[in-house]
C-alpha atoms as a PDB file:
ATOM      1  CA  MET A   1      68.157 136.093 -43.004  1.00  0.00           C
ATOM      2  CA  SER A   2      67.605 132.477 -44.069  1.00  0.00           C
ATOM      3  CA  GLY A   3      70.442 130.743 -45.871  1.00  0.00           C
ATOM      4  CA  LEU A   4      73.199 132.288 -43.733  1.00  0.00           C
ATOM      5  CA  THR A   5      74.607 129.509 -41.597  1.00  0.00           C
ATOM      6  CA  HIS A   6      75.941 131.654 -38.760  1.00  0.00           C
ATOM      7  CA  LEU A   7      72.764 133.720 -38.225  1.00  0.00           C
ATOM      8  CA  ASP A   8      69.506 132.592 -36.661  1.00  0.00           C
ATOM      9  CA  ALA A   9      66.034 133.616 -37.890  1.00  0.00           C
ATOM     10  CA  SER A  10      66.263 136.946 -36.056  1.00  0.00           C
ATOM     11  CA  GLY A  11      69.718 137.775 -37.429  1.00  0.00           C
ATOM     12  CA  ALA A  12      71.656 136.972 -34.254  1.00  0.00           C
ATOM     13  CA  ALA A  13      75.017 135.231 -34.537  1.00  0.00           C
ATOM     14  CA  ARG A  14      75.019 131.529 -33.707  1.00  0.00           C
ATOM     15  CA  MET A  15      77.321 128.557 -33.853  1.00  0.00           C
ATOM     16  CA  VAL A  16      76.321 126.063 -36.542  1.00  0.00           C
ATOM     17  CA  ASP A  17      74.978 122.760 -35.235  1.00  0.00           C
ATOM     18  CA  ILE A  18      77.245 120.031 -36.601  1.00  0.00           C
ATOM     19  CA  SER A  19      75.934 117.227 -34.400  1.00  0.00           C
ATOM     20  CA  ALA A  20      74.283 115.403 -37.322  1.00  0.00           C
ATOM     21  CA  LYS A  21      77.429 115.455 -39.466  1.00  0.00           C
ATOM     22  CA  PRO A  22      79.474 112.255 -39.568  1.00  0.00           C
ATOM     23  CA  ALA A  23      82.969 112.268 -38.126  1.00  0.00           C
ATOM     24  CA  THR A  24      85.241 111.833 -41.127  1.00  0.00           C
ATOM     25  CA  ARG A  25      88.906 112.530 -41.805  1.00  0.00           C
ATOM     26  CA  ARG A  26      89.419 116.148 -42.804  1.00  0.00           C
ATOM     27  CA  GLU A  27      92.612 117.911 -43.754  1.00  0.00           C
ATOM     28  CA  ALA A  28      93.491 121.502 -44.638  1.00  0.00           C
ATOM     29  CA  VAL A  29      96.708 123.083 -45.880  1.00  0.00           C
ATOM     30  CA  ALA A  30      97.363 126.835 -45.736  1.00  0.00           C
ATOM     31  CA  GLU A  31     100.347 129.010 -46.534  1.00  0.00           C
ATOM     32  CA  GLY A  32     101.624 132.543 -46.189  1.00  0.00           C
ATOM     33  CA  VAL A  33     104.891 134.439 -46.418  1.00  0.00           C
ATOM     34  CA  ILE A  34     106.770 137.146 -44.597  1.00  0.00           C
ATOM     35  CA  HIS A  35     109.073 139.355 -46.649  1.00  0.00           C
ATOM     36  CA  VAL A  36     112.307 139.903 -44.751  1.00  0.00           C
ATOM     37  CA  GLY A  37     115.319 142.097 -45.513  1.00  0.00           C
ATOM     38  CA  PRO A  38     118.640 140.399 -46.328  1.00  0.00           C
ATOM     39  CA  GLU A  39     120.393 141.122 -43.012  1.00  0.00           C
ATOM     40  CA  ALA A  40     117.502 139.861 -40.900  1.00  0.00           C
ATOM     41  CA  LEU A  41     117.018 136.846 -43.159  1.00  0.00           C
ATOM     42  CA  ALA A  42     120.710 135.956 -42.815  1.00  0.00           C
ATOM     43  CA  ALA A  43     120.499 136.259 -39.023  1.00  0.00           C
ATOM     44  CA  ILE A  44     117.415 134.046 -38.921  1.00  0.00           C
ATOM     45  CA  ALA A  45     119.096 131.442 -41.142  1.00  0.00           C
ATOM     46  CA  ALA A  46     122.236 131.491 -38.983  1.00  0.00           C
ATOM     47  CA  GLN A  47     120.170 131.269 -35.770  1.00  0.00           C
ATOM     48  CA  ALA A  48     121.877 134.500 -34.698  1.00  0.00           C
ATOM     49  CA  VAL A  49     118.764 136.420 -33.593  1.00  0.00           C
ATOM     50  CA  LYS A  50     119.123 137.484 -29.938  1.00  0.00           C
ATOM     51  CA  LYS A  51     115.626 136.225 -29.045  1.00  0.00           C
ATOM     52  CA  GLY A  52     116.556 132.673 -30.076  1.00  0.00           C
ATOM     53  CA  ASP A  53     115.756 130.210 -32.843  1.00  0.00           C
ATOM     54  CA  VAL A  54     113.142 132.090 -34.850  1.00  0.00           C
ATOM     55  CA  LEU A  55     111.964 129.228 -37.039  1.00  0.00           C
ATOM     56  CA  ALA A  56     111.665 126.694 -34.198  1.00  0.00           C
ATOM     57  CA  THR A  57     109.719 129.177 -32.084  1.00  0.00           C
ATOM     58  CA  ALA A  58     107.457 130.109 -35.009  1.00  0.00           C
ATOM     59  CA  ARG A  59     106.758 126.424 -35.666  1.00  0.00           C
ATOM     60  CA  ILE A  60     105.686 125.884 -32.052  1.00  0.00           C
ATOM     61  CA  ALA A  61     103.567 129.060 -32.120  1.00  0.00           C
ATOM     62  CA  GLY A  62     101.777 127.817 -35.236  1.00  0.00           C
ATOM     63  CA  ILE A  63     101.050 124.428 -33.696  1.00  0.00           C
ATOM     64  CA  MET A  64      99.758 126.022 -30.502  1.00  0.00           C
ATOM     65  CA  ALA A  65      97.597 128.472 -32.450  1.00  0.00           C
ATOM     66  CA  ALA A  66      95.966 125.693 -34.488  1.00  0.00           C
ATOM     67  CA  LYS A  67      94.935 124.007 -31.242  1.00  0.00           C
ATOM     68  CA  ARG A  68      93.481 127.278 -29.870  1.00  0.00           C
ATOM     69  CA  THR A  69      91.629 128.519 -32.959  1.00  0.00           C
ATOM     70  CA  ALA A  70      88.199 128.263 -31.334  1.00  0.00           C
ATOM     71  CA  ASP A  71      89.437 130.627 -28.600  1.00  0.00           C
ATOM     72  CA  LEU A  72      90.439 133.228 -31.203  1.00  0.00           C
ATOM     73  CA  ILE A  73      87.839 133.058 -33.982  1.00  0.00           C
ATOM     74  CA  PRO A  74      84.201 133.612 -32.976  1.00  0.00           C
ATOM     75  CA  LEU A  75      81.825 130.751 -33.817  1.00  0.00           C
ATOM     76  CA  CYS A  76      84.584 128.242 -34.632  1.00  0.00           C
ATOM     77  CA  HIS A  77      84.047 124.827 -33.108  1.00  0.00           C
ATOM     78  CA  PRO A  78      86.663 123.517 -30.700  1.00  0.00           C
ATOM     79  CA  LEU A  79      88.039 120.479 -32.503  1.00  0.00           C
ATOM     80  CA  PRO A  80      90.103 117.465 -31.562  1.00  0.00           C
ATOM     81  CA  ILE A  81      93.209 117.984 -33.653  1.00  0.00           C
ATOM     82  CA  ASP A  82      94.785 114.719 -34.787  1.00  0.00           C
ATOM     83  CA  ALA A  83      97.891 116.298 -36.334  1.00  0.00           C
ATOM     84  CA  VAL A  84      99.452 119.684 -37.024  1.00  0.00           C
ATOM     85  CA  ALA A  85     102.580 120.266 -39.064  1.00  0.00           C
ATOM     86  CA  VAL A  86     104.019 123.739 -39.554  1.00  0.00           C
ATOM     87  CA  ASP A  87     106.895 124.047 -41.994  1.00  0.00           C
ATOM     88  CA  LEU A  88     108.963 127.207 -42.466  1.00  0.00           C
ATOM     89  CA  ALA A  89     111.240 127.595 -45.464  1.00  0.00           C
ATOM     90  CA  ILE A  90     113.699 130.374 -46.112  1.00  0.00           C
ATOM     91  CA  GLU A  91     113.500 131.524 -49.720  1.00  0.00           C
ATOM     92  CA  THR A  92     114.965 134.533 -51.518  1.00  0.00           C
ATOM     93  CA  GLY A  93     113.758 137.579 -49.585  1.00  0.00           C
ATOM     94  CA  LEU A  94     111.110 135.764 -47.576  1.00  0.00           C
ATOM     95  CA  ILE A  95     110.104 132.950 -45.266  1.00  0.00           C
ATOM     96  CA  ARG A  96     107.219 130.728 -46.366  1.00  0.00           C
ATOM     97  CA  ALA A  97     105.027 129.101 -43.705  1.00  0.00           C
ATOM     98  CA  THR A  98     102.894 126.094 -44.591  1.00  0.00           C
ATOM     99  CA  ALA A  99     100.534 124.453 -42.116  1.00  0.00           C
ATOM    100  CA  THR A 100      98.765 121.118 -42.466  1.00  0.00           C
ATOM    101  CA  VAL A 101      96.033 120.260 -39.975  1.00  0.00           C
ATOM    102  CA  VAL A 102      94.128 116.973 -39.701  1.00  0.00           C
ATOM    103  CA  THR A 103      91.070 115.987 -37.671  1.00  0.00           C
ATOM    104  CA  THR A 104      88.480 113.247 -37.631  1.00  0.00           C
ATOM    105  CA  HIS A 105      85.351 115.198 -36.835  1.00  0.00           C
ATOM    106  CA  GLY A 106      82.153 116.650 -38.231  1.00  0.00           C
ATOM    107  CA  THR A 107      83.655 119.905 -39.487  1.00  0.00           C
ATOM    108  CA  GLY A 108      86.802 120.981 -41.297  1.00  0.00           C
ATOM    109  CA  VAL A 109      90.073 122.489 -40.143  1.00  0.00           C
ATOM    110  CA  GLU A 110      90.576 125.302 -42.652  1.00  0.00           C
ATOM    111  CA  MET A 111      90.491 127.955 -39.940  1.00  0.00           C
ATOM    112  CA  GLU A 112      93.005 126.011 -37.859  1.00  0.00           C
ATOM    113  CA  ALA A 113      95.456 125.832 -40.761  1.00  0.00           C
ATOM    114  CA  LEU A 114      95.047 129.542 -41.532  1.00  0.00           C
ATOM    115  CA  THR A 115      95.450 130.441 -37.860  1.00  0.00           C
ATOM    116  CA  ALA A 116      98.599 128.318 -37.603  1.00  0.00           C
ATOM    117  CA  VAL A 117     100.192 130.123 -40.557  1.00  0.00           C
ATOM    118  CA  SER A 118      99.195 133.532 -39.199  1.00  0.00           C
ATOM    119  CA  ALA A 119     100.639 132.869 -35.750  1.00  0.00           C
ATOM    120  CA  ALA A 120     103.856 131.419 -37.165  1.00  0.00           C
ATOM    121  CA  LEU A 121     104.421 134.470 -39.362  1.00  0.00           C
ATOM    122  CA  LEU A 122     103.559 136.893 -36.558  1.00  0.00           C
ATOM    123  CA  THR A 123     106.093 135.104 -34.380  1.00  0.00           C
ATOM    124  CA  VAL A 124     108.790 135.575 -37.025  1.00  0.00           C
ATOM    125  CA  TYR A 125     107.933 139.278 -37.084  1.00  0.00           C
ATOM    126  CA  ASP A 126     108.016 139.563 -33.299  1.00  0.00           C
ATOM    127  CA  MET A 127     111.342 137.806 -32.951  1.00  0.00           C
ATOM    128  CA  ALA A 128     113.087 139.676 -35.789  1.00  0.00           C
ATOM    129  CA  LYS A 129     111.497 143.127 -35.581  1.00  0.00           C
ATOM    130  CA  ALA A 130     114.597 144.618 -33.949  1.00  0.00           C
ATOM    131  CA  LEU A 131     116.502 143.681 -37.122  1.00  0.00           C
ATOM    132  CA  ASP A 132     113.880 144.670 -39.702  1.00  0.00           C
ATOM    133  CA  ARG A 133     110.744 146.697 -39.010  1.00  0.00           C
ATOM    134  CA  THR A 134     109.833 146.696 -42.703  1.00  0.00           C
ATOM    135  CA  MET A 135     108.894 143.005 -42.752  1.00  0.00           C
ATOM    136  CA  ARG A 136     105.552 142.386 -44.457  1.00  0.00           C
ATOM    137  CA  ILE A 137     103.218 139.428 -44.000  1.00  0.00           C
ATOM    138  CA  ASP A 138     101.473 138.526 -47.224  1.00  0.00           C
ATOM    139  CA  GLY A 139      99.517 135.916 -49.140  1.00  0.00           C
ATOM    140  CA  ILE A 140      97.888 133.966 -46.325  1.00  0.00           C
ATOM    141  CA  ARG A 141      95.499 131.556 -48.037  1.00  0.00           C
ATOM    142  CA  LEU A 142      93.995 128.110 -48.055  1.00  0.00           C
ATOM    143  CA  LEU A 143      95.853 125.877 -50.507  1.00  0.00           C
ATOM    144  CA  ARG A 144      93.637 122.829 -50.237  1.00  0.00           C
ATOM    145  CA  LYS A 145      91.184 120.937 -48.118  1.00  0.00           C
ATOM    146  CA  ARG A 146      90.031 117.346 -48.167  1.00  0.00           C
ATOM    147  CA  GLY A 147      86.944 115.693 -46.740  1.00  0.00           C
ATOM    148  CA  GLY A 148      83.567 116.825 -45.586  1.00  0.00           C
ATOM    149  CA  ARG A 149      80.269 117.403 -47.299  1.00  0.00           C
ATOM    150  CA  SER A 150      81.557 120.129 -49.605  1.00  0.00           C
ATOM    151  CA  GLY A 151      84.296 117.817 -50.913  1.00  0.00           C
ATOM    152  CA  ASP A 152      87.846 118.597 -51.858  1.00  0.00           C
ATOM    153  CA  PHE A 153      89.218 122.014 -52.773  1.00  0.00           C
ATOM    154  CA  THR A 154      92.515 123.019 -54.341  1.00  0.00           C
ATOM    155  CA  ALA A 155      93.393 126.696 -54.802  1.00  0.00           C
ATOM    156  CA  PRO A 156      93.952 127.750 -58.397  1.00  0.00           C
END
């Protein structure tokens, strides 16, 4: 089982020891979309959804989720988050969520950015499901990361 970072010599799951890694600035950006029907999209844009302001609530949910990623994803390190920004944009037939997460630590924040996007999009679904049960979450992915031993990454 050697070479797999999250397994010990006997094959048991373990958290990776990052104590020897230097604390450096690390940033990750993720995105995803939720496809929404025209009536629901219009209601969201007009802030006419009975549950309240969908985009503001989704933004807060994304920020909160980024800060709680280690509680949701096994073997993720709890990290001091320096900044989280969750942006939601209404486009034709969909809402795009983009999350940017920054830390100064010994490991990256890719999972925090992906978790933020996921929670934001799930919140949109929850708040608008009475208007459109056919909504579909799609395309959640890492767009880019900066910092750390593995260097920078930008999605093709």
